């Protein structure tokens, strides 16, 4: 099992969908979505 129940393709999709703007900017909404997503990956 990779990343708990999450497939590697789902991790890549999450980051691609977010886009570079979200990767480097302070955004509380994105941070909350990342935290929720990361929680299911562990």
N, C-alpha and C. Protein backbone atom coordinates (compact mmCIF):
# COMPACT_ATOMS: atom_id res chain seq x y z
N UNK A 1 0.85 -1.18 0.00
CA UNK A 1 0.00 0.00 0.00
C UNK A 1 0.89 1.24 0.00
N UNK A 2 0.66 2.14 -0.90
CA UNK A 2 1.43 3.38 -0.98
C UNK A 2 0.59 4.51 -0.39
N UNK A 3 1.18 5.28 0.53
CA UNK A 3 0.49 6.40 1.14
C UNK A 3 -0.84 5.96 1.76
N UNK A 4 -0.82 4.95 2.57
CA UNK A 4 -2.03 4.47 3.20
C UNK A 4 -3.00 3.96 2.15
N UNK A 5 -4.20 4.49 2.12
CA UNK A 5 -5.20 4.05 1.17
C UNK A 5 -5.18 4.88 -0.11
N UNK A 6 -4.31 5.87 -0.15
CA UNK A 6 -4.25 6.77 -1.29
C UNK A 6 -3.26 6.27 -2.32
N UNK A 7 -3.66 6.27 -3.55
CA UNK A 7 -2.77 5.87 -4.63
C UNK A 7 -1.83 7.01 -4.96
N UNK A 8 -0.66 6.66 -5.42
CA UNK A 8 0.31 7.68 -5.81
C UNK A 8 -0.28 8.62 -6.85
N UNK A 9 -1.07 8.10 -7.77
CA UNK A 9 -1.68 8.94 -8.79
C UNK A 9 -2.61 9.99 -8.18
N UNK A 10 -3.24 9.68 -7.04
CA UNK A 10 -4.10 10.65 -6.37
C UNK A 10 -3.27 11.78 -5.75
N UNK A 11 -2.10 11.45 -5.25
CA UNK A 11 -1.20 12.47 -4.68
C UNK A 11 -0.75 13.42 -5.79
N UNK A 12 -0.33 12.85 -6.91
CA UNK A 12 0.11 13.67 -8.04
C UNK A 12 -1.04 14.54 -8.54
N UNK A 13 -2.22 13.96 -8.65
CA UNK A 13 -3.39 14.72 -9.10
C UNK A 13 -3.69 15.88 -8.17
N UNK A 14 -3.59 15.67 -6.86
CA UNK A 14 -3.84 16.74 -5.90
C UNK A 14 -2.93 17.93 -6.16
N UNK A 15 -1.62 17.66 -6.32
CA UNK A 15 -0.66 18.74 -6.52
C UNK A 15 -0.81 19.40 -7.89
N UNK A 16 -1.09 18.62 -8.92
CA UNK A 16 -1.31 19.20 -10.25
C UNK A 16 -2.54 20.09 -10.26
N UNK A 17 -3.62 19.62 -9.64
CA UNK A 17 -4.84 20.42 -9.59
C UNK A 17 -4.64 21.72 -8.83
N UNK A 18 -3.83 21.68 -7.80
CA UNK A 18 -3.56 22.88 -7.01
C UNK A 18 -2.80 23.92 -7.82
N UNK A 19 -1.82 23.46 -8.57
CA UNK A 19 -1.03 24.36 -9.42
C UNK A 19 0.02 25.12 -8.64
N UNK A 20 1.00 25.64 -9.37
CA UNK A 20 2.12 26.34 -8.74
C UNK A 20 1.71 27.55 -7.89
N UNK A 21 0.60 28.18 -8.23
CA UNK A 21 0.17 29.33 -7.43
C UNK A 21 -0.09 28.92 -5.98
N UNK A 22 -0.69 27.75 -5.80
CA UNK A 22 -1.01 27.27 -4.45
C UNK A 22 0.22 26.72 -3.74
N UNK A 23 1.18 26.23 -4.51
CA UNK A 23 2.36 25.62 -3.88
C UNK A 23 3.18 26.63 -3.09
N UNK A 24 3.25 27.84 -3.56
CA UNK A 24 4.18 28.81 -2.99
C UNK A 24 3.52 30.00 -2.30
N UNK A 25 2.21 30.11 -2.36
CA UNK A 25 1.51 31.25 -1.77
C UNK A 25 0.91 30.85 -0.42
N UNK A 26 0.79 31.81 0.46
CA UNK A 26 0.10 31.58 1.73
C UNK A 26 -1.39 31.61 1.45
N UNK A 27 -2.06 30.49 1.71
CA UNK A 27 -3.49 30.39 1.42
C UNK A 27 -4.09 29.45 2.46
N UNK A 28 -4.85 30.01 3.38
CA UNK A 28 -5.41 29.21 4.47
C UNK A 28 -6.36 28.12 3.95
N UNK A 29 -7.12 28.41 2.89
CA UNK A 29 -8.03 27.42 2.33
C UNK A 29 -7.25 26.23 1.76
N UNK A 30 -6.21 26.53 0.99
CA UNK A 30 -5.40 25.45 0.43
C UNK A 30 -4.70 24.68 1.54
N UNK A 31 -4.18 25.38 2.53
CA UNK A 31 -3.51 24.71 3.65
C UNK A 31 -4.46 23.72 4.34
N UNK A 32 -5.72 24.11 4.50
CA UNK A 32 -6.71 23.23 5.13
C UNK A 32 -7.00 22.02 4.24
N UNK A 33 -7.11 22.25 2.91
CA UNK A 33 -7.34 21.13 1.99
C UNK A 33 -6.15 20.18 2.00
N UNK A 34 -4.94 20.74 2.03
CA UNK A 34 -3.74 19.90 2.08
C UNK A 34 -3.71 19.07 3.35
N UNK A 35 -4.00 19.70 4.47
CA UNK A 35 -3.98 18.99 5.75
C UNK A 35 -5.00 17.85 5.75
N UNK A 36 -6.19 18.11 5.22
CA UNK A 36 -7.21 17.06 5.16
C UNK A 36 -6.77 15.94 4.23
N UNK A 37 -6.18 16.29 3.10
CA UNK A 37 -5.71 15.28 2.15
C UNK A 37 -4.54 14.48 2.74
N UNK A 38 -3.60 15.18 3.37
CA UNK A 38 -2.44 14.52 3.93
C UNK A 38 -2.83 13.54 5.03
N UNK A 39 -3.88 13.86 5.75
CA UNK A 39 -4.34 13.00 6.83
C UNK A 39 -4.78 11.64 6.31
N UNK A 40 -5.39 11.60 5.13
CA UNK A 40 -5.83 10.31 4.59
C UNK A 40 -4.69 9.55 3.91
N UNK A 41 -3.57 10.25 3.69
CA UNK A 41 -2.42 9.62 3.02
C UNK A 41 -1.54 8.84 3.99
N UNK A 42 -1.68 9.10 5.25
CA UNK A 42 -0.78 8.48 6.22
C UNK A 42 -1.32 7.15 6.69
